[in-house]
C-alpha cells in the first residue's frame, strides 16, 4: 500500500484553493488503495476540513519553504510519496523533498519554475499542454486531470442534465476560501439591477457589510458559510460568479455557466485561455476592471441565454466523468515504476 503525504498550506491569509484540490486528489488516491495524510500550516478551519475528509493532519508552524525541505520533514512519518502544492516552492525545495527518498508529485499552475526535479507534474489548467515543461517528470496536463471532490463527481451527471437554458433565477457567488480584495461585496453591488428577482447565494464570512447588500435580491438570498464542497450549491445554481482559480473549473466541470474575475495576473492570463475555449465568461482582472465595466459584463453574462447555453455544452465535452480518478491512477502508475 502506497503512503502519500500532502504538503500544502491553508489559512485565511493564504487561501484554501491548494488544500481543496489536494483533498480532492487524496480522496481519489484513497479509493485506489493509497494511504494519505496532510502536513502544513493550517488554521483551525483548514485542519477541520482535512479531518472531516477522513485524513490525518499535522499542523506545522510555518509555510512551505520557510525552513527547507529536510527540516520541514523532520519528525514526520516516512512516506513513499509527497504531493506538493504551493506557490512558495522552488526547484531547490522540490529537490530537497526528493532527497528524502520519497517520490515527488508537484501540483502546478503556471510553469513558473525553470526546472521541475520531481517525478510527476500535475497541471489541470486549460493552457497546461502548451506550457513546454522540461523533460524528465511524467506530465499530467489539462482538464482531464482536474482534482474534483468526490461529491462533485457523484453529482455531475445530475448537474449536466439540469435545464439551465432559460432565464437565470439562482446565482452562486463563490470567490474562494478567502476574499482579501473584498470581491464578494463588490460583486453584490455590481449585480444589483442586472436581473430582477434573482436569488443569490454568496459563500463568504457574514459581515455587517455583506448582509445589507442582499436587500436588492429575492428574500431567499443568503450569505452562506464556507462549504465542505460546492456540489449542492452548484447543482442549485443556474449560473455562477467566481474568482479566477479552482472554483471556475469546478463550475465548468458541473456544466454550470460561470463568469470569473481574476485576483492576480497569473489567474488573469489563465482565465483568458479558458475563455477562448468557451468555458468561462471573463470579467477581467479585479485590480484593473472598473465597477461600471464589471456591472455591464455581469449584465451581459446573465441576460445572454445563448451564450450560457453554448458554454454549458462545451463544458460537458471538456471534462471526463472522473478526472480525479484518472489523475490518481496515473500518479500511482508513475511512482510505482
Protein backbone atom coordinates (compact mmCIF):
# COMPACT_ATOMS: atom_id res chain seq x y z
CA UNK A 1 0.00 0.00 0.00
CA UNK A 2 1.41 3.42 -1.02
CA UNK A 3 1.70 6.10 1.66
CA UNK A 4 1.37 9.65 0.36
CA UNK A 5 1.96 12.88 2.28
CA UNK A 6 0.32 16.07 1.02
CA UNK A 7 2.40 19.18 1.72
CA UNK A 8 0.30 22.31 1.31
CA UNK A 9 -0.77 25.26 3.45
CA UNK A 10 -4.18 26.82 4.08
CA UNK A 11 -5.13 29.80 6.22
CA UNK A 12 -7.45 32.76 5.81
CA UNK A 13 -4.47 34.78 4.55
CA UNK A 14 -3.05 32.10 2.23
CA UNK A 15 -6.39 30.86 0.91
CA UNK A 16 -7.89 27.40 0.66
CA UNK A 17 -7.69 26.53 -3.04
CA UNK A 18 -4.50 24.48 -2.78
CA UNK A 19 -5.92 22.49 0.13
CA UNK A 20 -9.25 21.88 -1.62
CA UNK A 21 -7.66 20.38 -4.70
CA UNK A 22 -5.26 18.32 -2.58
CA UNK A 23 -8.17 16.84 -0.63
CA UNK A 24 -9.90 16.02 -3.92
CA UNK A 25 -6.84 14.18 -5.19
CA UNK A 26 -6.34 12.45 -1.83
CA UNK A 27 -9.93 11.16 -1.94
CA UNK A 28 -9.29 9.60 -5.35
CA UNK A 29 -5.93 8.15 -4.27
CA UNK A 30 -7.58 6.62 -1.19
CA UNK A 31 -10.14 4.90 -3.41
CA UNK A 32 -7.20 3.45 -5.36
CA UNK A 33 -5.69 1.98 -2.19
CA UNK A 34 -3.23 4.68 -1.09
CA UNK A 35 -2.95 5.93 2.49
CA UNK A 36 -2.91 9.72 2.50
CA UNK A 37 -2.07 12.28 5.19
CA UNK A 38 -1.55 16.05 5.30
CA UNK A 39 1.10 18.35 6.76
CA UNK A 40 1.15 22.13 6.51
CA UNK A 41 0.49 25.47 8.11
CA UNK A 42 -3.26 25.25 8.72
CA UNK A 43 -5.68 27.39 10.64
CA UNK A 44 -8.44 25.66 12.58
CA UNK A 45 -10.92 25.78 9.69
CA UNK A 46 -8.41 24.16 7.32
CA UNK A 47 -7.40 21.45 9.79
CA UNK A 48 -11.06 20.70 10.42
CA UNK A 49 -11.64 20.37 6.67
CA UNK A 50 -8.81 17.84 6.33
CA UNK A 51 -10.05 15.76 9.26
CA UNK A 52 -13.67 15.93 8.06
CA UNK A 53 -12.49 14.34 4.82
CA UNK A 54 -11.03 11.48 6.84
CA UNK A 55 -7.31 12.26 6.66
CA UNK A 56 -4.67 12.64 9.35
CA UNK A 57 -3.44 16.21 9.67
CA UNK A 58 -0.16 17.52 11.08
CA UNK A 59 -0.08 21.29 11.63
CA UNK A 60 3.32 22.88 11.01
CA UNK A 61 4.43 26.27 12.39
CA UNK A 62 5.48 27.80 9.07
CA UNK A 63 4.52 27.63 5.39
CA UNK A 64 6.26 25.72 2.60
CA UNK A 65 9.93 26.55 2.01
CA UNK A 66 10.39 28.54 5.21
CA UNK A 67 12.91 26.15 6.81
CA UNK A 68 13.97 23.96 3.89
CA UNK A 69 12.63 20.55 2.97
CA UNK A 70 14.76 18.49 5.36
CA UNK A 71 13.80 20.49 8.46
CA UNK A 72 10.13 20.57 7.46
CA UNK A 73 10.05 16.79 7.03
CA UNK A 74 11.91 16.10 10.27
CA UNK A 75 9.60 14.48 12.77
CA UNK A 76 7.03 13.50 10.16
CA UNK A 77 6.46 9.81 9.41
CA UNK A 78 8.45 8.44 6.48
CA UNK A 79 6.35 8.31 3.34
CA UNK A 80 6.59 6.74 -0.08
CA UNK A 81 5.49 9.84 -1.97
CA UNK A 82 4.92 13.54 -1.35
CA UNK A 83 2.38 15.70 -3.18
CA UNK A 84 3.46 19.35 -3.09
CA UNK A 85 1.06 22.20 -3.84
CA UNK A 86 2.42 25.67 -3.10
CA UNK A 87 3.50 28.78 -4.97
CA UNK A 88 6.27 29.18 -2.35
CA UNK A 89 8.18 26.13 -3.58
CA UNK A 90 11.23 26.50 -5.82
CA UNK A 91 13.29 23.86 -7.60
CA UNK A 92 15.74 23.57 -4.66
CA UNK A 93 12.91 22.85 -2.26
CA UNK A 94 11.40 20.26 -4.63
CA UNK A 95 14.78 18.54 -4.96
CA UNK A 96 15.09 18.53 -1.17
CA UNK A 97 11.83 16.66 -0.84
CA UNK A 98 13.10 14.05 -3.25
CA UNK A 99 16.34 13.63 -1.30
CA UNK A 100 14.29 12.07 1.49
CA UNK A 101 13.79 9.06 -0.77
CA UNK A 102 10.15 9.84 -1.45
CA UNK A 103 8.73 10.17 -4.94
CA UNK A 104 7.59 13.77 -5.51
CA UNK A 105 4.43 14.95 -7.28
CA UNK A 106 4.09 18.69 -7.89
CA UNK A 107 0.68 20.28 -8.49
CA UNK A 108 1.47 23.30 -10.65
CA UNK A 109 -0.44 26.12 -12.35
CA UNK A 110 1.76 28.43 -14.37
CA UNK A 111 5.03 26.59 -15.17
CA UNK A 112 6.81 29.33 -13.22
CA UNK A 113 9.99 27.37 -12.39
CA UNK A 114 12.97 26.82 -14.72
CA UNK A 115 13.21 23.18 -13.61
CA UNK A 116 10.97 20.57 -12.00
CA UNK A 117 13.19 18.00 -10.24
CA UNK A 118 10.30 15.69 -9.40
CA UNK A 119 8.63 12.52 -10.62
CA UNK A 120 5.24 13.90 -11.68
CA UNK A 121 3.86 17.33 -12.60
CA UNK A 122 0.08 17.73 -12.50
CA UNK A 123 -1.32 20.87 -14.07
CA UNK A 124 -5.06 20.65 -14.79
CA UNK A 125 -5.45 24.07 -16.41
CA UNK A 126 -6.62 24.59 -19.96
CA UNK A 127 -3.30 26.12 -21.01
CA UNK A 128 -1.12 23.44 -19.39
CA UNK A 129 -0.44 21.38 -22.55
CA UNK A 130 1.05 24.47 -24.22
CA UNK A 131 3.44 25.43 -21.41
CA UNK A 132 6.52 23.48 -22.62
CA UNK A 133 7.50 21.77 -19.38
CA UNK A 134 11.09 20.47 -19.30
CA UNK A 135 11.78 16.80 -19.97
CA UNK A 136 12.03 14.45 -17.01
CA UNK A 137 8.88 14.16 -14.92
CA UNK A 138 5.71 12.41 -16.01
CA UNK A 139 3.38 15.18 -17.18
CA UNK A 140 -0.33 15.10 -16.37
CA UNK A 141 -1.63 18.15 -18.19
CA UNK A 142 -5.07 19.57 -18.89
CA UNK A 143 -8.64 19.38 -17.53
CA UNK A 144 -8.79 15.59 -17.85
CA UNK A 145 -6.71 15.61 -14.64
CA UNK A 146 -8.87 18.08 -12.69
CA UNK A 147 -8.89 17.18 -8.96
CA UNK A 148 -12.63 17.19 -8.29
CA UNK A 149 -14.11 16.35 -4.91
CA UNK A 150 -15.99 13.03 -4.69
CA UNK A 151 -19.33 14.74 -4.19
CA UNK A 152 -18.80 16.74 -7.39
CA UNK A 153 -18.05 13.55 -9.28
CA UNK A 154 -21.16 11.90 -7.84
CA UNK A 155 -23.41 14.87 -8.65
CA UNK A 156 -22.03 15.76 -12.07
CA UNK A 157 -24.49 13.70 -14.11
CA UNK A 158 -27.44 15.34 -12.34
CA UNK A 159 -25.94 18.78 -12.87
CA UNK A 160 -25.34 18.17 -16.57
CA UNK A 161 -28.95 17.02 -17.01
CA UNK A 162 -30.33 20.10 -15.24
CA UNK A 163 -32.04 22.56 -17.59
CA UNK A 164 -30.23 25.91 -17.44
CA UNK A 165 -31.31 27.21 -20.85
CA UNK A 166 -33.87 29.74 -19.61
CA UNK A 167 -33.65 32.94 -17.60
CA UNK A 168 -31.28 32.94 -14.66
CA UNK A 169 -33.05 32.56 -11.31
CA UNK A 170 -30.34 31.25 -8.99
CA UNK A 171 -26.86 32.82 -8.88
CA UNK A 172 -23.99 31.45 -6.84
CA UNK A 173 -21.15 33.80 -5.87
CA UNK A 174 -18.05 31.93 -4.70
CA UNK A 175 -14.82 33.91 -4.85
CA UNK A 176 -12.79 31.39 -2.85
CA UNK A 177 -11.91 30.34 0.67
CA UNK A 178 -10.60 33.81 1.39
CA UNK A 179 -11.56 37.16 -0.10
CA UNK A 180 -8.74 39.64 0.60
CA UNK A 181 -9.89 42.05 -2.11
CA UNK A 182 -13.49 42.21 -0.90
CA UNK A 183 -14.81 40.89 -4.21
CA UNK A 184 -17.96 39.34 -2.77
CA UNK A 185 -19.27 42.73 -1.65
CA UNK A 186 -18.18 44.33 -4.91
CA UNK A 187 -19.92 41.67 -7.00
CA UNK A 188 -23.13 42.01 -4.99
CA UNK A 189 -23.15 45.77 -5.55
CA UNK A 190 -22.48 45.40 -9.28
CA UNK A 191 -25.06 42.65 -9.61
CA UNK A 192 -27.93 44.75 -8.30
CA UNK A 193 -30.30 45.72 -11.08
CA UNK A 194 -28.78 43.29 -13.58
CA UNK A 195 -31.57 40.70 -13.24
CA UNK A 196 -34.88 41.24 -11.47
CA UNK A 197 -35.99 38.75 -8.83
CA UNK A 198 -32.88 36.58 -8.82
CA UNK A 199 -31.89 34.59 -5.75
CA UNK A 200 -28.26 34.98 -4.76
CA UNK A 201 -26.22 32.70 -2.54
CA UNK A 202 -22.82 34.12 -1.68
CA UNK A 203 -20.31 31.88 0.07
CA UNK A 204 -18.41 34.18 2.41
CA UNK A 205 -17.96 35.12 6.01
CA UNK A 206 -21.11 37.00 7.01
CA UNK A 207 -20.34 40.61 7.89
CA UNK A 208 -22.22 43.79 8.64
CA UNK A 209 -21.24 44.96 5.16
CA UNK A 210 -22.49 41.94 3.22
CA UNK A 211 -25.90 41.30 4.77
CA UNK A 212 -27.47 44.64 3.70
CA UNK A 213 -26.28 44.07 0.13
CA UNK A 214 -28.78 41.21 -0.19
CA UNK A 215 -31.71 43.62 0.03
CA UNK A 216 -31.89 44.06 -3.74
CA UNK A 217 -32.42 40.36 -4.39
CA UNK A 218 -35.13 37.81 -3.58
CA UNK A 219 -35.99 37.09 0.05
CA UNK A 220 -34.41 33.64 -0.22
CA UNK A 221 -30.98 35.13 -0.91
CA UNK A 222 -28.34 34.38 1.71
CA UNK A 223 -24.74 34.61 2.80
CA UNK A 224 -23.59 31.04 3.33
CA UNK A 225 -20.64 29.87 5.43
CA UNK A 226 -17.70 28.09 3.84
CA UNK A 227 -18.85 24.75 2.42
CA UNK A 228 -17.24 21.32 2.73
CA UNK A 229 -17.62 21.15 -1.05
CA UNK A 230 -19.65 23.04 -3.65
CA UNK A 231 -21.64 20.14 -5.09
CA UNK A 232 -25.03 21.09 -3.64
CA UNK A 233 -24.62 24.80 -4.37
CA UNK A 234 -23.52 24.22 -7.96
CA UNK A 235 -26.41 21.82 -8.51
CA UNK A 236 -28.75 24.58 -7.27
CA UNK A 237 -27.23 27.36 -9.39
CA UNK A 238 -28.34 28.48 -12.83
CA UNK A 239 -25.10 30.45 -13.13
CA UNK A 240 -22.01 31.05 -11.02
CA UNK A 241 -19.74 34.03 -10.46
CA UNK A 242 -16.33 33.04 -9.14
CA UNK A 243 -12.75 34.04 -8.61
CA UNK A 244 -10.15 33.08 -11.17
CA UNK A 245 -8.94 29.89 -9.51
CA UNK A 246 -10.19 26.38 -8.82
CA UNK A 247 -13.89 27.20 -8.41
CA UNK A 248 -14.29 28.30 -12.02
CA UNK A 249 -13.03 24.84 -13.03
CA UNK A 250 -15.39 23.13 -10.59
CA UNK A 251 -18.27 25.15 -12.07
CA UNK A 252 -17.26 24.19 -15.60
CA UNK A 253 -16.91 20.54 -14.61
CA UNK A 254 -20.50 20.65 -13.33
CA UNK A 255 -21.62 22.39 -16.57
CA UNK A 256 -22.73 25.49 -14.67
CA UNK A 257 -22.22 28.63 -16.81
CA UNK A 258 -19.63 30.70 -14.99
CA UNK A 259 -18.22 34.22 -15.06
CA UNK A 260 -14.86 34.68 -13.35
CA UNK A 261 -12.95 37.68 -12.03
CA UNK A 262 -9.21 37.09 -11.64
CA UNK A 263 -7.49 38.09 -8.41
CA UNK A 264 -3.93 38.18 -9.79
CA UNK A 265 -2.13 38.33 -13.11
CA UNK A 266 -1.49 34.59 -13.23
CA UNK A 267 -5.19 33.86 -12.86
CA UNK A 268 -5.97 36.58 -15.39
CA UNK A 269 -3.85 35.04 -18.13
CA UNK A 270 -5.12 31.54 -17.44
CA UNK A 271 -8.74 32.72 -17.37
CA UNK A 272 -8.27 34.33 -20.77
CA UNK A 273 -7.18 30.95 -22.18
CA UNK A 274 -10.19 29.29 -20.53
CA UNK A 275 -12.45 31.96 -22.04
CA UNK A 276 -11.03 31.41 -25.54
CA UNK A 277 -12.08 27.77 -25.18
CA UNK A 278 -15.62 28.98 -24.42
CA UNK A 279 -15.57 27.60 -20.87
CA UNK A 280 -15.86 30.83 -18.85
CA UNK A 281 -17.05 34.40 -19.27
CA UNK A 282 -14.06 36.59 -18.44
CA UNK A 283 -14.86 39.52 -16.12
CA UNK A 284 -11.28 40.78 -16.16
CA UNK A 285 -8.65 41.42 -13.52
CA UNK A 286 -10.03 42.70 -10.21
CA UNK A 287 -7.35 45.35 -9.79
CA UNK A 288 -7.97 46.97 -13.17
CA UNK A 289 -11.63 46.50 -14.10
CA UNK A 290 -13.87 49.41 -13.11
CA UNK A 291 -17.19 48.84 -11.38
CA UNK A 292 -19.15 50.18 -14.36
CA UNK A 293 -17.39 47.72 -16.67
CA UNK A 294 -17.94 44.91 -14.20
CA UNK A 295 -21.66 45.65 -13.85
CA UNK A 296 -22.05 45.79 -17.64
CA UNK A 297 -20.22 42.50 -18.09
CA UNK A 298 -22.34 40.80 -15.43
CA UNK A 299 -25.46 42.09 -17.18
CA UNK A 300 -24.31 40.62 -20.49
CA UNK A 301 -23.49 37.27 -18.92
CA UNK A 302 -26.82 36.95 -17.11
CA UNK A 303 -29.01 38.19 -19.97
CA UNK A 304 -27.46 36.21 -22.85
CA UNK A 305 -29.11 32.78 -22.67
CA UNK A 306 -27.50 31.67 -25.93
CA UNK A 307 -24.01 32.44 -24.60
CA UNK A 308 -24.64 30.44 -21.43
CA UNK A 309 -26.23 27.52 -23.28
CA UNK A 310 -23.29 27.25 -25.67
CA UNK A 311 -20.89 27.47 -22.75
CA UNK A 312 -22.64 24.63 -20.90
CA UNK A 313 -22.49 22.43 -23.99
CA UNK A 314 -18.75 22.98 -24.31
CA UNK A 315 -18.30 22.27 -20.61
CA UNK A 316 -19.92 18.86 -20.96
CA UNK A 317 -17.36 17.87 -23.58
CA UNK A 318 -14.29 19.42 -21.93
CA UNK A 319 -14.08 17.03 -18.96
CA UNK A 320 -14.13 13.29 -18.49
CA UNK A 321 -16.53 11.78 -15.96
CA UNK A 322 -13.97 11.22 -13.18
CA UNK A 323 -10.81 13.27 -13.74
CA UNK A 324 -9.67 12.79 -10.12
CA UNK A 325 -9.57 9.02 -10.52
CA UNK A 326 -7.78 9.47 -13.86
CA UNK A 327 -5.12 11.59 -12.12
CA UNK A 328 -4.82 9.19 -9.17
CA UNK A 329 -4.29 6.16 -11.39
CA UNK A 330 -1.66 7.99 -13.45
CA UNK A 331 0.20 9.13 -10.32
CA UNK A 332 0.23 5.67 -8.75
CA UNK A 333 1.48 4.18 -12.00
CA UNK A 334 4.27 6.77 -12.24
CA UNK A 335 5.51 6.37 -8.65
CA UNK A 336 5.47 2.58 -8.86
CA UNK A 337 7.97 2.45 -11.73
